Amino acid sequence: MMRTLLAYLLLASMIGTAVEWGDQANGELRWGETLQMGEYTLEAADFTSEDTTPRMVMVNLYKGDELVATRALESGDSFSLDDEVMVVAEEVRMKDYLLDESVEPRAEVVLLVRAVPELRVHIVSDEDSYEAGDRAKLEIEIVNVGMADAEDVKIELTSDPAIVSSKYSRSNLVPGEVWDEDPGTKEIDPISLRFKTPSMPGPEEVLVKAHARYLDSEGGFHESWGGTSFDLFGPLKVNKYTEDAIKFGKKSYVHLSISNGGDRTLEVELTDSAGRDFQADAALNWKMTIPPGGRETASYTISAERPGEGQILPPAEAAYSLDEKTYKVTSTGPVIDVIGPLVEVEKEASSAMVKTGEEVTVTMTAKNVGNRRTKASVKETVPAWARLTSGETEFSQVLLPEEAATLKYTISCPEAGRFEIPPTSVCYRDDDGTACTLKSSRLRITIENGENGRLDLDHRDRRDRTSPRKSHLVTLEGKRERSGKR
């Protein structure tokens, strides 16, 4: 019965003020809780004590972060603010909360905002980019997604740079209605604008925006925006292309093409880069004079640093000046699949300093980090100063991509001194039989005299007497240093 009465009072309030209310939010609020609708937030700030009649709730109304109203409401009370927002307290009550009959006040409230029109404006270009003289097309899609009629609608279309400019109007758009340029057809026809793209001295990004202005039924002013962009090519175009796939270890050509579609001769500086994944065989910069309608080309070869699919070459760049302004044009970056095996080798010793007669384990790992299988062959030579005590010193094995093979053997030395384990040669082949050879790093081992713990130098390493001892124990010559274990 109470809710029916409140609904009647609310309807009467709407009719009396001639305000059309739209979206609403309702909820049951305890102390400190909030209810939100659009940009408005309603807070239950306080309640009267349980023995006070009538029971009331004090609410704070915020618009954004700003407090715009504070009211004390009992059941059935309501208030509106500038006919923009209405608050209704449906019921304020005390509710049994625990078995000991303690109570917690609660308020059932409704927060309503005035119904207003809202136009959603969307611009679509039929292409992302155009050349001079192309026929371009823009479509403007407009729909009223608000809760009230949009009246006296005016649309203005502009662009930067100033290529397009147009105006449109409509007397009314009801909620949910889509702007239709030809209501006589079954299809909805958006606003359509066709135009010829002009010649520009350099590449330009064209920003297009549509500004919608409209009124609500009370004469309130509203506006909406929509926009898009497209690119206009200048007179110069740069293309960069190469093979889609190349074999690792082989060279491949990169071709550059640059054309002048304008009406003036251009002095062009063209630069390129092979990037970090490739090496080029030449300096990649050229100076060209290109007349109107002319075209120039350049080529060079590259080799890949390692196999890998989807490797990207950086774009080439051409720079020129017109009317004391410099313009830059870039090409696309070609994507290349580099096909083939690549074996990487790591060699290490279990210790870099031992006593005479003690054993050292040498481990050599060959891993195929490429994207095709390979057959790898390794034959290790035990140095003359050492004696092989266990393990294997050679293998020949097919390695799939990301597969590794390990060779491990143990040596000992009866003499004290500083010795070197020479690099290991690894040979591998691709599916076409092309052979590649690489070498591991060399290792250095120090053998101390087992009786007194001192290093006795023979004539082979007396030359090292004046050299400072290095803190690292194993040196991977020419590549990196690796710490050993004592």
Protein backbone atom coordinates (compact mmCIF):
# COMPACT_ATOMS: atom_id res chain seq x y z
CA MET A 1 0.00 0.00 0.00
CA MET A 2 2.84 2.34 0.96
CA ARG A 3 4.74 1.66 -2.28
CA THR A 4 1.58 2.33 -4.35
CA LEU A 5 1.12 5.67 -2.63
CA LEU A 6 4.75 6.61 -3.20
CA ALA A 7 4.50 5.68 -6.86
CA TYR A 8 1.43 7.89 -7.17
CA LEU A 9 3.19 10.80 -5.45
CA LEU A 10 6.21 10.37 -7.68
CA LEU A 11 4.07 10.37 -10.83
CA ALA A 12 2.26 13.46 -9.63
CA SER A 13 5.57 15.18 -9.00
CA MET A 14 6.70 14.42 -12.53
CA ILE A 15 3.50 15.73 -14.06
CA GLY A 16 3.41 18.83 -11.85
CA THR A 17 6.91 19.92 -12.79
CA ALA A 18 6.63 18.80 -16.42
CA VAL A 19 10.03 17.12 -16.03
CA GLU A 20 10.60 13.92 -17.93
CA TRP A 21 12.67 11.62 -15.73
CA GLY A 22 14.80 8.96 -17.34
CA ASP A 23 17.27 6.45 -15.91
CA GLN A 24 17.06 5.56 -12.24
CA ALA A 25 18.90 3.58 -9.60
CA ASN A 26 17.37 2.24 -6.40
CA GLY A 27 18.81 0.47 -3.39
CA GLU A 28 18.79 -0.09 0.36
CA LEU A 29 21.43 2.05 2.07
CA ARG A 30 22.96 1.63 5.51
CA TRP A 31 25.06 4.28 7.22
CA GLY A 32 27.91 5.48 4.94
CA GLU A 33 26.76 3.50 1.88
CA THR A 34 26.22 5.15 -1.51
CA LEU A 35 24.07 4.83 -4.63
CA GLN A 36 25.25 6.12 -8.01
CA MET A 37 23.44 7.17 -11.16
CA GLY A 38 25.42 8.80 -13.96
CA GLU A 39 27.50 11.64 -12.52
CA TYR A 40 25.43 11.78 -9.30
CA THR A 41 26.19 9.91 -6.05
CA LEU A 42 23.77 9.65 -3.11
CA GLU A 43 25.19 8.92 0.37
CA ALA A 44 23.33 7.87 3.52
CA ALA A 45 25.24 10.19 5.85
CA ASP A 46 23.29 9.69 9.12
CA PHE A 47 20.08 8.40 10.73
CA THR A 48 17.94 9.58 13.64
CA SER A 49 18.24 7.57 16.86
CA GLU A 50 16.07 4.48 17.23
CA ASP A 51 13.69 6.08 19.72
CA THR A 52 13.08 9.18 17.56
CA THR A 53 9.87 9.59 15.56
CA PRO A 54 9.59 10.00 12.66
CA ARG A 55 12.59 8.01 11.61
CA MET A 56 14.69 10.01 9.16
CA VAL A 57 17.78 9.62 7.02
CA MET A 58 20.15 12.47 6.19
CA VAL A 59 21.47 12.15 2.64
CA ASN A 60 24.31 13.92 0.83
CA LEU A 61 24.02 14.35 -2.95
CA TYR A 62 27.25 14.75 -4.94
CA LYS A 63 27.73 15.74 -8.54
CA GLY A 64 31.12 14.36 -9.38
CA ASP A 65 33.25 15.27 -6.34
CA GLU A 66 31.16 18.31 -5.42
CA LEU A 67 28.54 18.20 -2.63
CA VAL A 68 25.43 19.83 -4.14
CA ALA A 69 22.70 19.07 -1.57
CA THR A 70 22.08 17.75 1.97
CA ARG A 71 18.55 16.76 3.06
CA ALA A 72 16.84 14.99 5.97
CA LEU A 73 14.11 12.68 4.61
CA GLU A 74 11.49 10.49 6.23
CA SER A 75 9.56 7.73 4.47
CA GLY A 76 7.79 9.10 1.41
CA ASP A 77 9.83 12.33 1.18
CA SER A 78 11.53 13.44 -2.03
CA PHE A 79 13.34 16.42 -3.47
CA SER A 80 14.69 17.49 -6.86
CA LEU A 81 17.59 19.74 -7.73
CA ASP A 82 17.33 22.14 -10.67
CA ASP A 83 14.97 19.64 -12.35
CA GLU A 84 18.11 17.63 -13.15
CA VAL A 85 18.03 14.97 -10.45
CA MET A 86 15.43 13.65 -7.99
CA VAL A 87 15.85 11.73 -4.73
CA VAL A 88 13.00 9.70 -3.23
CA ALA A 89 13.11 8.06 0.23
CA GLU A 90 10.67 5.16 -0.14
CA GLU A 91 11.08 3.88 3.41
CA VAL A 92 13.26 4.61 6.44
CA ARG A 93 13.21 1.84 9.06
CA MET A 94 14.99 0.06 11.88
CA LYS A 95 15.59 -3.62 11.24
CA ASP A 96 16.39 -6.39 13.72
CA TYR A 97 19.96 -7.26 13.01
CA LEU A 98 21.15 -9.59 15.81
CA LEU A 99 19.44 -11.96 18.24
CA ASP A 100 20.04 -9.50 21.09
CA GLU A 101 17.58 -7.16 19.30
CA SER A 102 20.17 -4.52 18.41
CA VAL A 103 19.07 -2.56 15.38
CA GLU A 104 20.62 -1.14 12.23
CA PRO A 105 18.87 1.70 10.39
CA ARG A 106 18.27 1.39 6.67
CA ALA A 107 16.71 3.51 3.95
CA GLU A 108 15.23 2.39 0.66
CA VAL A 109 15.95 5.21 -1.81
CA VAL A 110 15.53 5.99 -5.50
CA LEU A 111 17.87 8.27 -7.50
CA LEU A 112 16.52 9.56 -10.81
CA VAL A 113 18.12 11.78 -13.44
CA ARG A 114 16.24 13.88 -15.95
CA ALA A 115 15.68 12.31 -19.34
CA VAL A 116 17.83 14.07 -21.94
CA PRO A 117 18.71 13.37 -25.56
CA GLU A 118 22.16 12.01 -26.36
CA LEU A 119 23.42 11.73 -29.93
CA ARG A 120 26.11 9.22 -30.73
CA VAL A 121 28.11 10.36 -33.78
CA HIS A 122 30.31 7.95 -35.70
CA ILE A 123 32.33 8.77 -38.86
CA VAL A 124 33.60 6.05 -41.20
CA SER A 125 36.11 6.52 -44.03
CA ASP A 126 36.00 3.93 -46.80
CA GLU A 127 39.84 3.86 -46.95
CA ASP A 128 42.64 4.41 -44.45
CA SER A 129 44.78 6.30 -46.97
CA TYR A 130 44.45 8.04 -50.33
CA GLU A 131 46.63 9.34 -53.11
CA ALA A 132 46.12 12.73 -54.74
CA GLY A 133 43.11 12.65 -57.07
CA ASP A 134 41.42 9.63 -55.43
CA ARG A 135 37.67 9.63 -54.89
CA ALA A 136 37.12 9.47 -51.14
CA LYS A 137 33.95 8.75 -49.20
CA LEU A 138 32.89 9.53 -45.63
CA GLU A 139 29.75 8.28 -43.89
CA ILE A 140 28.34 9.91 -40.74
CA GLU A 141 26.18 7.62 -38.61
CA ILE A 142 23.99 9.37 -35.99
CA VAL A 143 21.63 7.76 -33.45
CA ASN A 144 19.79 9.18 -30.44
CA VAL A 145 20.80 6.89 -27.55
CA GLY A 146 19.27 9.21 -24.93
CA MET A 147 15.92 9.09 -23.11
CA ALA A 148 14.31 12.17 -24.69
CA ASP A 149 13.78 13.76 -28.09
CA ALA A 150 16.67 15.65 -29.68
CA GLU A 151 15.26 18.79 -31.27
CA ASP A 152 16.67 21.30 -33.77
CA VAL A 153 19.61 19.02 -34.59
CA LYS A 154 22.53 20.61 -36.47
CA ILE A 155 25.60 18.71 -37.70
CA GLU A 156 28.80 20.44 -38.87
CA LEU A 157 31.56 18.43 -40.58
CA THR A 158 35.10 19.87 -40.77
CA SER A 159 38.66 18.62 -41.21
CA ASP A 160 42.25 19.61 -40.50
CA PRO A 161 43.78 20.37 -42.95
CA ALA A 162 40.68 21.97 -44.45
CA ILE A 163 39.68 19.45 -47.10
CA VAL A 164 36.02 18.83 -46.25
CA SER A 165 33.36 21.14 -44.86
CA SER A 166 29.63 20.48 -44.77
CA LYS A 167 26.49 21.15 -42.69
CA TYR A 168 23.30 19.15 -42.10
CA SER A 169 20.14 19.69 -40.03
CA ARG A 170 17.15 17.77 -38.74
CA SER A 171 14.13 18.98 -36.76
CA ASN A 172 13.84 16.00 -34.42
CA LEU A 173 15.28 12.61 -33.49
CA VAL A 174 13.25 10.55 -31.01
CA PRO A 175 14.97 8.16 -28.56
CA GLY A 176 16.43 5.18 -30.42
CA GLU A 177 16.01 6.80 -33.86
CA VAL A 178 18.82 6.61 -36.42
CA TRP A 179 19.43 9.49 -38.85
CA ASP A 180 18.18 8.27 -42.25
CA GLU A 181 18.91 10.39 -45.33
CA ASP A 182 16.34 8.49 -47.41
CA PRO A 183 13.40 7.24 -45.32
CA GLY A 184 11.74 5.95 -48.48
CA THR A 185 14.10 2.96 -48.71
CA LYS A 186 14.22 -0.15 -46.53
CA GLU A 187 17.88 0.43 -45.71
CA ILE A 188 19.06 3.14 -43.35
CA ASP A 189 21.10 5.65 -45.34
CA PRO A 190 23.61 7.60 -43.22
CA ILE A 191 24.91 11.01 -44.22
CA SER A 192 27.34 10.41 -47.09
CA LEU A 193 30.00 12.78 -48.39
CA ARG A 194 32.11 12.14 -51.49
CA PHE A 195 35.07 14.29 -52.51
CA LYS A 196 38.27 14.26 -54.55
CA THR A 197 41.47 14.25 -52.53
CA PRO A 198 43.81 17.16 -53.29
CA SER A 199 47.54 17.11 -54.05
CA MET A 200 49.64 17.82 -50.96
CA PRO A 201 53.33 18.85 -50.78
CA GLY A 202 53.99 16.09 -48.27
CA PRO A 203 52.25 13.26 -46.42
CA GLU A 204 49.44 14.44 -44.16
CA GLU A 205 47.14 12.90 -41.58
CA VAL A 206 43.68 14.36 -42.09
CA LEU A 207 41.59 14.68 -38.91
CA VAL A 208 37.84 14.76 -39.56
CA LYS A 209 35.33 15.73 -36.89
CA ALA A 210 31.57 16.09 -36.73
CA HIS A 211 30.03 18.47 -34.19
CA ALA A 212 26.38 17.86 -33.27
CA ARG A 213 24.33 20.61 -31.53
CA TYR A 214 20.76 19.96 -30.36
CA LEU A 215 18.11 20.89 -27.75
CA ASP A 216 15.94 18.95 -25.34
CA SER A 217 12.20 19.56 -24.85
CA GLU A 218 12.92 22.23 -22.22
CA GLY A 219 15.24 24.15 -24.53
CA GLY A 220 18.38 22.88 -22.82
CA PHE A 221 21.44 22.87 -25.07
CA HIS A 222 23.43 19.68 -25.71
CA GLU A 223 26.29 18.72 -28.00
CA SER A 224 28.15 15.60 -29.14
CA TRP A 225 31.30 14.90 -31.13
CA GLY A 226 32.52 12.24 -33.50
CA GLY A 227 35.68 11.88 -35.53
CA THR A 228 37.99 9.81 -37.69
CA SER A 229 41.22 10.21 -39.62
CA PHE A 230 42.86 9.08 -42.85
CA ASP A 231 46.25 9.55 -44.46
CA LEU A 232 47.00 11.49 -47.63
CA PHE A 233 50.11 10.53 -49.56
CA GLY A 234 52.41 13.29 -50.73
CA PRO A 235 54.13 13.21 -54.13
CA LEU A 236 56.79 10.70 -53.01
CA LYS A 237 56.21 6.99 -52.44
CA VAL A 238 58.82 4.50 -51.16
CA ASN A 239 58.58 0.72 -51.50
CA LYS A 240 60.88 -1.84 -49.92
CA TYR A 241 60.61 -5.51 -50.77
CA THR A 242 62.57 -8.76 -50.66
CA GLU A 243 61.96 -12.50 -50.74
CA ASP A 244 59.43 -13.86 -48.27
CA ALA A 245 61.81 -16.63 -47.18
CA ILE A 246 65.59 -17.04 -47.40
CA LYS A 247 68.04 -19.77 -46.38
CA PHE A 248 70.21 -19.07 -43.41
CA GLY A 249 73.79 -18.59 -44.53
CA LYS A 250 72.75 -17.36 -47.97
CA LYS A 251 72.53 -13.75 -49.14
CA SER A 252 69.29 -12.21 -50.34
CA TYR A 253 68.57 -9.03 -52.31
CA VAL A 254 66.61 -6.10 -50.89
CA HIS A 255 65.08 -3.76 -53.48
CA LEU A 256 64.01 -0.14 -52.97
CA SER A 257 61.76 1.76 -55.36
CA ILE A 258 61.00 5.47 -55.03
CA SER A 259 58.62 7.40 -57.31
CA ASN A 260 57.57 11.04 -57.65
CA GLY A 261 53.89 11.51 -58.44
CA GLY A 262 53.98 15.29 -58.02
CA ASP A 263 54.51 18.15 -60.44
CA ARG A 264 57.94 19.31 -59.20
CA THR A 265 61.43 17.80 -59.29
CA LEU A 266 62.49 16.46 -55.89
CA GLU A 267 65.98 16.21 -54.41
CA VAL A 268 65.72 13.10 -52.27
CA GLU A 269 67.98 11.57 -49.64
CA LEU A 270 67.15 7.88 -49.21
CA THR A 271 68.39 5.94 -46.18
CA ASP A 272 67.82 2.37 -45.08
CA SER A 273 68.85 -0.10 -42.37
CA ALA A 274 69.22 -3.86 -42.19
CA GLY A 275 68.28 -3.81 -38.48
CA ARG A 276 69.79 -5.90 -35.73
CA ASP A 277 68.83 -9.27 -37.25
CA PHE A 278 70.60 -8.82 -40.59
CA GLN A 279 73.85 -7.53 -42.04
CA ALA A 280 74.07 -5.46 -45.23
CA ASP A 281 76.91 -5.54 -47.76
CA ALA A 282 76.98 -1.77 -48.37
CA ALA A 283 76.34 1.67 -46.92
CA LEU A 284 72.60 2.22 -47.16
CA ASN A 285 72.22 5.85 -48.19
CA TRP A 286 71.65 7.40 -51.59
CA LYS A 287 71.01 10.87 -53.02
CA MET A 288 68.63 11.05 -55.97
CA THR A 289 67.09 13.68 -58.25
CA ILE A 290 63.62 12.53 -59.30
CA PRO A 291 61.64 14.52 -61.88
CA PRO A 292 57.81 14.62 -61.96
CA GLY A 293 56.55 11.15 -62.86
CA GLY A 294 60.07 9.73 -62.41
CA ARG A 295 61.17 6.63 -60.56
CA GLU A 296 64.50 5.48 -59.09
CA THR A 297 65.62 2.15 -57.63
CA ALA A 298 68.37 0.84 -55.36
CA SER A 299 69.37 -2.68 -54.31
CA TYR A 300 71.71 -4.36 -51.88
CA THR A 301 72.18 -7.80 -50.29
CA ILE A 302 71.66 -8.92 -46.71
CA SER A 303 72.54 -11.99 -44.66
CA ALA A 304 70.71 -13.06 -41.52
CA GLU A 305 72.35 -13.24 -38.12
CA ARG A 306 70.39 -16.37 -37.21
CA PRO A 307 67.39 -18.43 -38.37
CA GLY A 308 63.93 -17.37 -37.32
CA GLU A 309 60.46 -16.90 -38.77
CA GLY A 310 58.75 -13.52 -38.97
CA GLN A 311 61.90 -11.40 -38.82
CA ILE A 312 61.25 -7.78 -39.77
CA LEU A 313 63.43 -5.45 -41.80
CA PRO A 314 63.15 -1.80 -40.71
CA PRO A 315 61.38 0.64 -43.06
CA ALA A 316 63.44 2.72 -45.50
CA GLU A 317 63.11 6.52 -45.23
CA ALA A 318 63.20 9.22 -47.89
CA ALA A 319 63.55 12.92 -47.04
CA TYR A 320 62.99 15.93 -49.32
CA SER A 321 62.26 19.63 -48.97
CA LEU A 322 59.59 21.80 -50.60
CA ASP A 323 58.96 25.46 -49.87
CA GLU A 324 61.50 25.46 -47.04
CA LYS A 325 59.77 22.58 -45.28
CA THR A 326 61.27 19.08 -44.94
CA TYR A 327 59.12 16.00 -45.40
CA LYS A 328 59.89 12.37 -44.59
CA VAL A 329 58.29 9.32 -46.16
CA THR A 330 58.79 5.73 -44.97
CA SER A 331 58.23 2.38 -46.61
CA THR A 332 56.72 -0.69 -45.03
CA GLY A 333 58.98 -3.12 -43.14
CA PRO A 334 59.16 -6.45 -45.03
CA VAL A 335 58.75 -9.66 -43.03
CA ILE A 336 61.17 -12.51 -43.80
CA ASP A 337 61.32 -16.15 -42.74
CA VAL A 338 64.97 -17.20 -42.35
CA ILE A 339 65.13 -20.97 -42.77
CA GLY A 340 67.90 -23.29 -41.63
CA PRO A 341 69.76 -24.91 -38.74
CA LEU A 342 72.20 -23.12 -36.47
CA VAL A 343 74.36 -24.97 -33.96
CA GLU A 344 75.71 -23.21 -30.88
CA VAL A 345 78.45 -24.82 -28.79
CA GLU A 346 79.33 -24.45 -25.14
CA LYS A 347 82.42 -26.04 -23.62
CA GLU A 348 83.33 -26.04 -19.92
CA ALA A 349 85.54 -27.82 -17.40
CA SER A 350 84.45 -29.08 -13.99
CA SER A 351 87.38 -27.22 -12.42
CA ALA A 352 90.03 -24.83 -13.62
CA MET A 353 92.56 -25.63 -10.87
CA VAL A 354 93.38 -29.15 -9.67
CA LYS A 355 96.33 -31.02 -8.22
CA THR A 356 98.48 -33.44 -10.17
CA GLY A 357 96.72 -36.73 -10.74
CA GLU A 358 93.24 -35.31 -10.03
CA GLU A 359 90.56 -35.59 -12.70
CA VAL A 360 88.87 -32.84 -14.67
CA THR A 361 85.57 -33.44 -16.50
CA VAL A 362 85.18 -31.63 -19.81
CA THR A 363 81.62 -31.11 -21.09
CA MET A 364 80.84 -29.95 -24.59
CA THR A 365 77.20 -29.25 -25.59
CA ALA A 366 76.01 -28.64 -29.15
CA LYS A 367 72.48 -27.24 -29.51
CA ASN A 368 70.50 -26.61 -32.69
CA VAL A 369 68.93 -23.17 -32.14
CA GLY A 370 67.70 -22.97 -35.75
CA ASN A 371 64.33 -23.97 -37.21
CA ARG A 372 65.39 -26.95 -39.34
CA ARG A 373 67.07 -30.23 -38.44
CA THR A 374 70.79 -30.83 -38.91
CA LYS A 375 73.39 -33.53 -38.49
CA ALA A 376 76.19 -32.43 -36.20
CA SER A 377 79.58 -34.18 -35.94
CA VAL A 378 82.11 -33.59 -33.19
CA LYS A 379 85.55 -35.12 -32.68
CA GLU A 380 87.47 -33.93 -29.65
CA THR A 381 91.27 -34.20 -29.48
CA VAL A 382 92.72 -34.99 -26.06
CA PRO A 383 95.79 -32.76 -25.61
CA ALA A 384 99.20 -34.42 -25.35
CA TRP A 385 99.75 -33.27 -21.76
CA ALA A 386 96.59 -35.07 -20.54
CA ARG A 387 95.44 -38.66 -20.17
CA LEU A 388 91.87 -39.73 -21.03
CA THR A 389 90.44 -41.61 -18.05
CA SER A 390 86.79 -42.05 -19.12
CA GLY A 391 84.07 -40.87 -21.48
CA GLU A 392 83.63 -40.36 -25.20
CA THR A 393 85.41 -37.81 -27.36
CA GLU A 394 83.25 -37.87 -30.47
CA PHE A 395 79.66 -38.09 -31.65
CA SER A 396 77.60 -37.72 -34.83
CA GLN A 397 73.91 -37.05 -34.34
CA VAL A 398 70.84 -35.55 -36.03
CA LEU A 399 69.58 -32.58 -34.03
CA LEU A 400 66.03 -31.34 -34.38
CA PRO A 401 65.25 -27.65 -33.71
CA GLU A 402 65.98 -26.80 -30.04
CA GLU A 403 67.53 -30.24 -29.51
CA ALA A 404 70.97 -30.59 -27.90
CA ALA A 405 73.64 -33.29 -27.69
CA THR A 406 76.31 -33.47 -25.00
CA LEU A 407 79.80 -34.98 -25.09
CA LYS A 408 81.52 -35.59 -21.75
CA TYR A 409 84.91 -37.04 -20.87
CA THR A 410 87.39 -37.02 -18.00
CA ILE A 411 91.12 -36.32 -18.14
CA SER A 412 93.99 -36.14 -15.64
CA CYS A 413 97.52 -34.76 -15.79
CA PRO A 414 100.59 -36.04 -13.89
CA GLU A 415 102.56 -32.77 -14.28
CA ALA A 416 102.13 -29.36 -12.70
CA GLY A 417 101.73 -26.35 -14.96
CA ARG A 418 99.32 -24.23 -16.89
CA PHE A 419 97.72 -26.03 -19.83
CA GLU A 420 95.24 -25.37 -22.58
CA ILE A 421 92.40 -27.52 -23.89
CA PRO A 422 92.14 -26.46 -27.55
CA PRO A 423 88.86 -25.44 -29.24
CA THR A 424 86.57 -28.17 -30.50
CA SER A 425 85.53 -28.16 -34.17
CA VAL A 426 81.88 -28.90 -34.87
CA CYS A 427 80.62 -29.63 -38.37
CA TYR A 428 76.93 -29.66 -39.26
CA ARG A 429 74.89 -29.80 -42.47
CA ASP A 430 71.46 -28.59 -43.54
CA ASP A 431 68.93 -30.61 -45.54
CA ASP A 432 70.59 -29.58 -48.80
CA GLY A 433 73.95 -30.88 -47.63
CA THR A 434 75.53 -27.44 -47.16
CA ALA A 435 78.23 -27.80 -44.51
CA CYS A 436 79.08 -25.34 -41.75
CA THR A 437 81.96 -25.51 -39.30
CA LEU A 438 82.37 -23.68 -36.02
CA LYS A 439 84.73 -23.90 -33.09
CA SER A 440 84.11 -23.83 -29.38
CA SER A 441 86.09 -21.66 -27.03
CA ARG A 442 89.37 -22.89 -25.60
CA LEU A 443 89.79 -23.72 -21.90
CA ARG A 444 92.78 -23.14 -19.63
CA ILE A 445 93.59 -25.50 -16.75
CA THR A 446 96.05 -24.94 -13.91
CA ILE A 447 97.67 -28.08 -12.39
CA GLU A 448 99.26 -27.66 -8.95
CA ASN A 449 101.91 -29.91 -7.48
CA GLY A 450 100.11 -32.45 -5.36
CA GLU A 451 102.85 -32.69 -2.66
CA ASN A 452 103.30 -29.10 -1.50
CA GLY A 453 100.35 -27.42 -3.15
CA ARG A 454 102.66 -25.10 -5.13
CA LEU A 455 102.74 -24.66 -8.86
CA ASP A 456 106.10 -25.69 -10.39
CA LEU A 457 106.57 -23.94 -13.70
CA ASP A 458 108.46 -25.72 -16.43
CA HIS A 459 110.05 -24.05 -19.41
CA ARG A 460 106.75 -23.96 -21.28
CA ASP A 461 105.14 -21.45 -18.94
CA ARG A 462 108.06 -19.53 -17.44
CA ARG A 463 106.97 -16.69 -19.69
CA ASP A 464 103.91 -16.34 -17.43
CA ARG A 465 106.00 -15.52 -14.29
CA THR A 466 105.57 -11.77 -14.76
CA SER A 467 101.88 -11.99 -15.70
CA PRO A 468 99.34 -11.31 -12.90
CA ARG A 469 97.12 -14.25 -11.98
CA LYS A 470 93.54 -13.78 -13.19
CA SER A 471 90.69 -14.11 -10.74
CA HIS A 472 88.62 -16.12 -13.20
CA LEU A 473 89.49 -19.77 -13.58
CA VAL A 474 88.27 -20.64 -17.08
CA THR A 475 88.57 -18.27 -20.04
CA LEU A 476 86.33 -18.80 -23.08
CA GLU A 477 88.68 -17.11 -25.49
CA GLY A 478 87.25 -14.50 -27.81
CA LYS A 479 83.73 -14.75 -26.38
CA ARG A 480 83.20 -14.53 -22.62
CA GLU A 481 84.62 -15.55 -19.25
CA ARG A 482 83.12 -18.35 -17.20
CA SER A 483 83.67 -19.01 -13.51
CA GLY A 484 85.03 -22.45 -12.66
CA LYS A 485 84.68 -24.58 -9.50
CA ARG A 486 87.45 -25.55 -7.18
